């Protein structure tokens, strides 16, 4: 009975979010972040809205497994070595930000231009679990800005549509929920979401994009002889 009451309370907490598609009711004053001179931002979608539930509940898997993915594509061969994204928390009793592992999945397009491949996670062409403490997270207006530096250059093929999923992994009790912040206007196709507990099919199109940036620090420092040694992970 205690377990049933807990699950009912959990479902109610989800249904009282700002949007029935698992969007967190986050009140924000916007982002105050400004770029630095030592980086080349090659893809940018800045935060403009609320948080879309994108989390792996270690104590409620798989019923409340959730994820958001967004797409990007380059006209020319591109390299990056940093990723930045914006998230937010709600329904938590813990001090925020919560230092927890982050899962990142990289998918190819499913051929429609509007969704990643399926099944979720298993069909990703690469995936990473970034341990707690191995990425930066700071308050930014009503959001939390996160950055992760890859230990190598990442090469991205021209004319390929990729989908990126980012979510935090922690227990619902007592950490609550985490979401990826919306971004408008939409570039390419809108982001997509899956949320088993709310009946949101993987992958259901949303009405916005998600807020993230792909960055290359000092891209011209590479000598021609080093290109063959770059690790291609996308």
C-alpha atoms as a PDB file:
ATOM      1  CA  UNK A   1       0.000   0.000   0.000  1.00  0.00           C
ATOM      2  CA  UNK A   2       2.831   2.404   0.810  1.00  0.00           C
ATOM      3  CA  UNK A   3       4.358   1.742  -2.618  1.00  0.00           C
ATOM      4  CA  UNK A   4       0.999   2.376  -4.329  1.00  0.00           C
ATOM      5  CA  UNK A   5       0.464   5.647  -2.459  1.00  0.00           C
ATOM      6  CA  UNK A   6       3.973   6.766  -3.395  1.00  0.00           C
ATOM      7  CA  UNK A   7       3.389   6.058  -7.085  1.00  0.00           C
ATOM      8  CA  UNK A   8       0.055   7.903  -6.983  1.00  0.00           C
ATOM      9  CA  UNK A   9       1.692  10.902  -5.349  1.00  0.00           C
ATOM     10  CA  UNK A  10       4.439  10.785  -7.971  1.00  0.00           C
ATOM     11  CA  UNK A  11       1.912  10.745 -10.810  1.00  0.00           C
ATOM     12  CA  UNK A  12       0.068  13.715  -9.292  1.00  0.00           C
ATOM     13  CA  UNK A  13       3.308  15.673  -8.988  1.00  0.00           C
ATOM     14  CA  UNK A  14       3.979  15.079 -12.677  1.00  0.00           C
ATOM     15  CA  UNK A  15       0.487  16.081 -13.731  1.00  0.00           C
ATOM     16  CA  UNK A  16       0.756  19.416 -11.922  1.00  0.00           C
ATOM     17  CA  UNK A  17       3.742  20.480 -14.006  1.00  0.00           C
ATOM     18  CA  UNK A  18       3.220  23.389 -16.358  1.00  0.00           C
ATOM     19  CA  UNK A  19       2.508  21.175 -19.356  1.00  0.00           C
ATOM     20  CA  UNK A  20       1.042  17.649 -19.681  1.00  0.00           C
ATOM     21  CA  UNK A  21       4.031  16.652 -21.804  1.00  0.00           C
ATOM     22  CA  UNK A  22       6.283  16.690 -18.749  1.00  0.00           C
ATOM     23  CA  UNK A  23       7.413  20.305 -18.864  1.00  0.00           C
ATOM     24  CA  UNK A  24       8.642  21.650 -15.547  1.00  0.00           C
ATOM     25  CA  UNK A  25       6.976  24.754 -14.110  1.00  0.00           C
ATOM     26  CA  UNK A  26      10.186  26.758 -13.946  1.00  0.00           C
ATOM     27  CA  UNK A  27       9.986  30.504 -13.390  1.00  0.00           C
ATOM     28  CA  UNK A  28      13.044  32.072 -14.985  1.00  0.00           C
ATOM     29  CA  UNK A  29      14.602  35.491 -15.375  1.00  0.00           C
ATOM     30  CA  UNK A  30      16.416  34.174 -18.455  1.00  0.00           C
ATOM     31  CA  UNK A  31      20.057  33.451 -19.153  1.00  0.00           C
ATOM     32  CA  UNK A  32      22.814  35.910 -18.360  1.00  0.00           C
ATOM     33  CA  UNK A  33      25.550  33.868 -20.004  1.00  0.00           C
ATOM     34  CA  UNK A  34      27.891  35.456 -22.526  1.00  0.00           C
ATOM     35  CA  UNK A  35      30.494  33.641 -24.593  1.00  0.00           C
ATOM     36  CA  UNK A  36      34.242  34.002 -24.176  1.00  0.00           C
ATOM     37  CA  UNK A  37      36.832  34.954 -26.779  1.00  0.00           C
ATOM     38  CA  UNK A  38      38.706  31.646 -26.585  1.00  0.00           C
ATOM     39  CA  UNK A  39      35.939  29.493 -28.035  1.00  0.00           C
ATOM     40  CA  UNK A  40      34.263  29.076 -31.377  1.00  0.00           C
ATOM     41  CA  UNK A  41      30.561  28.271 -30.908  1.00  0.00           C
ATOM     42  CA  UNK A  42      29.594  26.222 -33.956  1.00  0.00           C
ATOM     43  CA  UNK A  43      25.995  25.449 -32.909  1.00  0.00           C
ATOM     44  CA  UNK A  44      23.911  27.570 -30.530  1.00  0.00           C
ATOM     45  CA  UNK A  45      20.365  27.260 -29.176  1.00  0.00           C
ATOM     46  CA  UNK A  46      19.957  29.506 -26.123  1.00  0.00           C
ATOM     47  CA  UNK A  47      17.436  28.927 -23.293  1.00  0.00           C
ATOM     48  CA  UNK A  48      14.084  30.674 -23.637  1.00  0.00           C
ATOM     49  CA  UNK A  49      11.476  28.512 -21.875  1.00  0.00           C
ATOM     50  CA  UNK A  50      10.709  25.827 -19.328  1.00  0.00           C
ATOM     51  CA  UNK A  51      12.275  22.463 -18.531  1.00  0.00           C
ATOM     52  CA  UNK A  52      11.265  19.293 -20.372  1.00  0.00           C
ATOM     53  CA  UNK A  53      11.569  16.153 -18.256  1.00  0.00           C
ATOM     54  CA  UNK A  54      14.728  14.296 -19.237  1.00  0.00           C
ATOM     55  CA  UNK A  55      15.906  12.012 -16.443  1.00  0.00           C
ATOM     56  CA  UNK A  56      16.792   8.467 -15.501  1.00  0.00           C
ATOM     57  CA  UNK A  57      15.257   7.699 -12.114  1.00  0.00           C
ATOM     58  CA  UNK A  58      17.500   5.026 -10.665  1.00  0.00           C
ATOM     59  CA  UNK A  59      14.768   4.028  -8.176  1.00  0.00           C
ATOM     60  CA  UNK A  60      11.825   4.046 -10.633  1.00  0.00           C
ATOM     61  CA  UNK A  61      13.293   2.536 -13.798  1.00  0.00           C
ATOM     62  CA  UNK A  62      11.826   1.677 -16.271  1.00  0.00           C
ATOM     63  CA  UNK A  63       8.289   2.989 -15.663  1.00  0.00           C
ATOM     64  CA  UNK A  64       9.382   6.614 -15.370  1.00  0.00           C
ATOM     65  CA  UNK A  65      12.270   6.539 -17.802  1.00  0.00           C
ATOM     66  CA  UNK A  66      12.265   9.861 -19.698  1.00  0.00           C
ATOM     67  CA  UNK A  67      14.392  11.608 -22.282  1.00  0.00           C
ATOM     68  CA  UNK A  68      14.559  14.601 -24.619  1.00  0.00           C
ATOM     69  CA  UNK A  69      16.595  14.654 -27.830  1.00  0.00           C
ATOM     70  CA  UNK A  70      17.291  17.483 -30.261  1.00  0.00           C
ATOM     71  CA  UNK A  71      18.907  17.590 -33.677  1.00  0.00           C
ATOM     72  CA  UNK A  72      21.752  19.409 -35.380  1.00  0.00           C
ATOM     73  CA  UNK A  73      23.516  19.257 -38.722  1.00  0.00           C
ATOM     74  CA  UNK A  74      26.520  20.933 -40.347  1.00  0.00           C
ATOM     75  CA  UNK A  75      27.089  21.841 -43.989  1.00  0.00           C
ATOM     76  CA  UNK A  76      30.828  21.212 -43.659  1.00  0.00           C
ATOM     77  CA  UNK A  77      33.067  18.870 -41.694  1.00  0.00           C
ATOM     78  CA  UNK A  78      33.207  20.286 -38.144  1.00  0.00           C
ATOM     79  CA  UNK A  79      35.113  19.537 -34.956  1.00  0.00           C
ATOM     80  CA  UNK A  80      34.141  20.258 -31.353  1.00  0.00           C
ATOM     81  CA  UNK A  81      35.619  19.555 -27.939  1.00  0.00           C
ATOM     82  CA  UNK A  82      33.023  21.088 -25.591  1.00  0.00           C
ATOM     83  CA  UNK A  83      29.286  20.789 -25.046  1.00  0.00           C
ATOM     84  CA  UNK A  84      27.107  23.211 -23.059  1.00  0.00           C
ATOM     85  CA  UNK A  85      23.470  22.842 -22.094  1.00  0.00           C
ATOM     86  CA  UNK A  86      20.881  24.345 -19.750  1.00  0.00           C
ATOM     87  CA  UNK A  87      18.702  22.429 -17.290  1.00  0.00           C
ATOM     88  CA  UNK A  88      16.468  22.953 -14.257  1.00  0.00           C
ATOM     89  CA  UNK A  89      15.040  21.081 -11.266  1.00  0.00           C
ATOM     90  CA  UNK A  90      11.592  20.785  -9.700  1.00  0.00           C
ATOM     91  CA  UNK A  91       9.759  18.705  -7.069  1.00  0.00           C
ATOM     92  CA  UNK A  92      13.022  18.290  -5.144  1.00  0.00           C
ATOM     93  CA  UNK A  93      13.790  18.585  -1.445  1.00  0.00           C
ATOM     94  CA  UNK A  94      17.550  18.559  -2.086  1.00  0.00           C
ATOM     95  CA  UNK A  95      19.819  21.609  -2.437  1.00  0.00           C
ATOM     96  CA  UNK A  96      20.314  22.434  -6.108  1.00  0.00           C
ATOM     97  CA  UNK A  97      22.134  22.003  -8.361  1.00  0.00           C
ATOM     98  CA  UNK A  98      22.288  18.255  -7.709  1.00  0.00           C
ATOM     99  CA  UNK A  99      25.690  16.761  -8.459  1.00  0.00           C
ATOM    100  CA  UNK A 100      24.774  13.536 -10.252  1.00  0.00           C
ATOM    101  CA  UNK A 101      25.869  11.573 -13.324  1.00  0.00           C
ATOM    102  CA  UNK A 102      24.808  12.827 -16.746  1.00  0.00           C
ATOM    103  CA  UNK A 103      23.926  10.498 -19.611  1.00  0.00           C
ATOM    104  CA  UNK A 104      24.552  11.669 -23.182  1.00  0.00           C
ATOM    105  CA  UNK A 105      23.357   9.682 -26.205  1.00  0.00           C
ATOM    106  CA  UNK A 106      24.148  10.388 -29.845  1.00  0.00           C
ATOM    107  CA  UNK A 107      21.770   9.065 -32.517  1.00  0.00           C
ATOM    108  CA  UNK A 108      21.445   9.168 -36.251  1.00  0.00           C
ATOM    109  CA  UNK A 109      18.198  10.361 -37.819  1.00  0.00           C
ATOM    110  CA  UNK A 110      15.542   7.701 -38.436  1.00  0.00           C
ATOM    111  CA  UNK A 111      15.303   8.759 -42.069  1.00  0.00           C
ATOM    112  CA  UNK A 112      12.350  11.103 -41.676  1.00  0.00           C
ATOM    113  CA  UNK A 113      14.316  14.151 -40.550  1.00  0.00           C
ATOM    114  CA  UNK A 114      12.022  14.402 -37.527  1.00  0.00           C
ATOM    115  CA  UNK A 115      13.226  11.831 -34.963  1.00  0.00           C
ATOM    116  CA  UNK A 116      16.191   9.756 -33.800  1.00  0.00           C
ATOM    117  CA  UNK A 117      16.383   6.038 -34.371  1.00  0.00           C
ATOM    118  CA  UNK A 118      14.645   3.520 -32.130  1.00  0.00           C
ATOM    119  CA  UNK A 119      14.811   1.758 -29.755  1.00  0.00           C
ATOM    120  CA  UNK A 120      15.829   4.586 -27.452  1.00  0.00           C
ATOM    121  CA  UNK A 121      19.318   4.335 -25.966  1.00  0.00           C
ATOM    122  CA  UNK A 122      20.048   0.932 -27.521  1.00  0.00           C
ATOM    123  CA  UNK A 123      20.193   2.395 -31.039  1.00  0.00           C
ATOM    124  CA  UNK A 124      22.514   5.289 -30.135  1.00  0.00           C
ATOM    125  CA  UNK A 125      25.712   5.325 -32.162  1.00  0.00           C
ATOM    126  CA  UNK A 126      27.631   6.448 -29.067  1.00  0.00           C
ATOM    127  CA  UNK A 127      26.778   7.016 -25.423  1.00  0.00           C
ATOM    128  CA  UNK A 128      28.582   8.401 -22.412  1.00  0.00           C
ATOM    129  CA  UNK A 129      27.948   8.506 -18.694  1.00  0.00           C
ATOM    130  CA  UNK A 130      29.720  11.510 -17.195  1.00  0.00           C
ATOM    131  CA  UNK A 131      30.336  10.896 -13.480  1.00  0.00           C
ATOM    132  CA  UNK A 132      29.247  13.429 -10.893  1.00  0.00           C
ATOM    133  CA  UNK A 133      31.897  16.114 -10.492  1.00  0.00           C
ATOM    134  CA  UNK A 134      33.290  15.663 -14.019  1.00  0.00           C
ATOM    135  CA  UNK A 135      31.326  18.522 -15.560  1.00  0.00           C
ATOM    136  CA  UNK A 136      30.694  22.120 -14.506  1.00  0.00           C
ATOM    137  CA  UNK A 137      27.271  23.382 -13.405  1.00  0.00           C
ATOM    138  CA  UNK A 138      26.444  26.930 -12.306  1.00  0.00           C
ATOM    139  CA  UNK A 139      23.275  28.971 -11.763  1.00  0.00           C
ATOM    140  CA  UNK A 140      22.317  31.103 -14.754  1.00  0.00           C
ATOM    141  CA  UNK A 141      19.198  33.172 -14.194  1.00  0.00           C
ATOM    142  CA  UNK A 142      16.476  30.650 -13.410  1.00  0.00           C
ATOM    143  CA  UNK A 143      18.425  27.872 -15.154  1.00  0.00           C
ATOM    144  CA  UNK A 144      21.538  25.815 -14.473  1.00  0.00           C
ATOM    145  CA  UNK A 145      24.250  25.983 -17.112  1.00  0.00           C
ATOM    146  CA  UNK A 146      26.352  22.831 -17.576  1.00  0.00           C
ATOM    147  CA  UNK A 147      29.596  22.370 -19.507  1.00  0.00           C
ATOM    148  CA  UNK A 148      31.604  19.286 -20.342  1.00  0.00           C
ATOM    149  CA  UNK A 149      34.993  19.277 -22.078  1.00  0.00           C
ATOM    150  CA  UNK A 150      35.753  16.206 -24.136  1.00  0.00           C
ATOM    151  CA  UNK A 151      39.340  14.998 -23.639  1.00  0.00           C
ATOM    152  CA  UNK A 152      39.753  14.878 -27.447  1.00  0.00           C
ATOM    153  CA  UNK A 153      38.431  16.565 -30.573  1.00  0.00           C
ATOM    154  CA  UNK A 154      35.103  15.245 -31.863  1.00  0.00           C
ATOM    155  CA  UNK A 155      34.603  15.158 -35.635  1.00  0.00           C
ATOM    156  CA  UNK A 156      31.177  15.683 -37.211  1.00  0.00           C
ATOM    157  CA  UNK A 157      30.470  14.718 -40.793  1.00  0.00           C
ATOM    158  CA  UNK A 158      28.958  17.193 -43.235  1.00  0.00           C
ATOM    159  CA  UNK A 159      25.334  16.742 -44.235  1.00  0.00           C
ATOM    160  CA  UNK A 160      24.501  14.239 -41.474  1.00  0.00           C
ATOM    161  CA  UNK A 161      21.589  14.938 -39.149  1.00  0.00           C
ATOM    162  CA  UNK A 162      22.468  13.913 -35.597  1.00  0.00           C
ATOM    163  CA  UNK A 163      20.237  13.781 -32.520  1.00  0.00           C
ATOM    164  CA  UNK A 164      21.563  14.491 -29.036  1.00  0.00           C
ATOM    165  CA  UNK A 165      19.881  13.285 -25.832  1.00  0.00           C
ATOM    166  CA  UNK A 166      20.994  14.661 -22.454  1.00  0.00           C
ATOM    167  CA  UNK A 167      19.555  13.618 -19.100  1.00  0.00           C
ATOM    168  CA  UNK A 168      20.541  13.350 -15.451  1.00  0.00           C
ATOM    169  CA  UNK A 169      20.563  10.101 -13.505  1.00  0.00           C
ATOM    170  CA  UNK A 170      19.462  10.196  -9.880  1.00  0.00           C
ATOM    171  CA  UNK A 171      16.726   8.752  -7.639  1.00  0.00           C
ATOM    172  CA  UNK A 172      13.314  10.417  -7.645  1.00  0.00           C
ATOM    173  CA  UNK A 173      13.315  10.198  -3.861  1.00  0.00           C
ATOM    174  CA  UNK A 174      14.515  12.689  -2.675  1.00  0.00           C
ATOM    175  CA  UNK A 175      15.934  14.423  -5.767  1.00  0.00           C
ATOM    176  CA  UNK A 176      12.706  15.152  -7.638  1.00  0.00           C
ATOM    177  CA  UNK A 177      12.929  15.861 -11.360  1.00  0.00           C
ATOM    178  CA  UNK A 178      15.363  17.303 -13.882  1.00  0.00           C
ATOM    179  CA  UNK A 179      14.681  18.744 -17.301  1.00  0.00           C
ATOM    180  CA  UNK A 180      16.360  20.110 -20.390  1.00  0.00           C
ATOM    181  CA  UNK A 181      15.390  23.748 -21.048  1.00  0.00           C
ATOM    182  CA  UNK A 182      13.364  24.752 -24.094  1.00  0.00           C
ATOM    183  CA  UNK A 183      14.831  26.953 -26.839  1.00  0.00           C
ATOM    184  CA  UNK A 184      13.080  28.995 -29.505  1.00  0.00           C
ATOM    185  CA  UNK A 185      12.904  29.560 -32.401  1.00  0.00           C
ATOM    186  CA  UNK A 186      13.117  26.008 -33.738  1.00  0.00           C
ATOM    187  CA  UNK A 187      16.135  25.028 -35.858  1.00  0.00           C
ATOM    188  CA  UNK A 188      15.684  22.077 -38.221  1.00  0.00           C
ATOM    189  CA  UNK A 189      13.022  19.867 -36.565  1.00  0.00           C
ATOM    190  CA  UNK A 190      11.552  20.408 -33.087  1.00  0.00           C
ATOM    191  CA  UNK A 191      13.027  18.381 -30.248  1.00  0.00           C
ATOM    192  CA  UNK A 192      11.374  15.098 -29.289  1.00  0.00           C
ATOM    193  CA  UNK A 193      10.576  13.409 -25.982  1.00  0.00           C
ATOM    194  CA  UNK A 194       9.782  10.019 -24.552  1.00  0.00           C
ATOM    195  CA  UNK A 195       8.299   9.542 -21.087  1.00  0.00           C
ATOM    196  CA  UNK A 196       6.967   6.076 -20.329  1.00  0.00           C
ATOM    197  CA  UNK A 197       5.257   7.071 -17.083  1.00  0.00           C
ATOM    198  CA  UNK A 198       3.137   9.701 -18.818  1.00  0.00           C
ATOM    199  CA  UNK A 199       2.424   7.669 -21.932  1.00  0.00           C
ATOM    200  CA  UNK A 200       4.581   9.890 -24.155  1.00  0.00           C
ATOM    201  CA  UNK A 201       5.781   7.572 -26.912  1.00  0.00           C
ATOM    202  CA  UNK A 202       9.458   7.598 -27.870  1.00  0.00           C
ATOM    203  CA  UNK A 203       9.877   9.833 -29.847  1.00  0.00           C
ATOM    204  CA  UNK A 204       7.007  12.385 -29.675  1.00  0.00           C
ATOM    205  CA  UNK A 205       7.640  15.751 -31.328  1.00  0.00           C
ATOM    206  CA  UNK A 206       7.476  18.805 -29.060  1.00  0.00           C
ATOM    207  CA  UNK A 207       6.837  22.423 -30.063  1.00  0.00           C
ATOM    208  CA  UNK A 208      10.290  23.857 -29.287  1.00  0.00           C
ATOM    209  CA  UNK A 209      13.970  22.976 -29.396  1.00  0.00           C
ATOM    210  CA  UNK A 210      16.291  22.254 -26.459  1.00  0.00           C
ATOM    211  CA  UNK A 211      18.968  24.666 -25.225  1.00  0.00           C
ATOM    212  CA  UNK A 212      22.550  23.602 -25.977  1.00  0.00           C
ATOM    213  CA  UNK A 213      25.746  24.699 -27.669  1.00  0.00           C
ATOM    214  CA  UNK A 214      28.540  22.831 -29.430  1.00  0.00           C
ATOM    215  CA  UNK A 215      31.933  24.481 -29.144  1.00  0.00           C
ATOM    216  CA  UNK A 216      35.466  24.227 -30.453  1.00  0.00           C
ATOM    217  CA  UNK A 217      38.297  25.826 -28.508  1.00  0.00           C
ATOM    218  CA  UNK A 218      41.076  27.169 -30.745  1.00  0.00           C
ATOM    219  CA  UNK A 219      40.153  25.083 -33.811  1.00  0.00           C
ATOM    220  CA  UNK A 220      43.063  26.427 -35.863  1.00  0.00           C
ATOM    221  CA  UNK A 221      45.670  25.042 -33.486  1.00  0.00           C
ATOM    222  CA  UNK A 222      45.528  21.641 -35.177  1.00  0.00           C
ATOM    223  CA  UNK A 223      48.286  20.856 -37.638  1.00  0.00           C
ATOM    224  CA  UNK A 224      47.340  18.986 -40.795  1.00  0.00           C
ATOM    225  CA  UNK A 225      49.327  15.962 -39.667  1.00  0.00           C
ATOM    226  CA  UNK A 226      47.108  15.537 -36.596  1.00  0.00           C
ATOM    227  CA  UNK A 227      43.806  15.161 -38.449  1.00  0.00           C
ATOM    228  CA  UNK A 228      44.324  11.433 -38.953  1.00  0.00           C
ATOM    229  CA  UNK A 229      44.630  11.053 -35.196  1.00  0.00           C
ATOM    230  CA  UNK A 230      41.372  12.763 -34.282  1.00  0.00           C
ATOM    231  CA  UNK A 231      38.938  10.340 -32.688  1.00  0.00           C
ATOM    232  CA  UNK A 232      35.667  10.235 -34.564  1.00  0.00           C
ATOM    233  CA  UNK A 233      32.935   9.540 -32.026  1.00  0.00           C
ATOM    234  CA  UNK A 234      29.868  10.827 -33.824  1.00  0.00           C
END
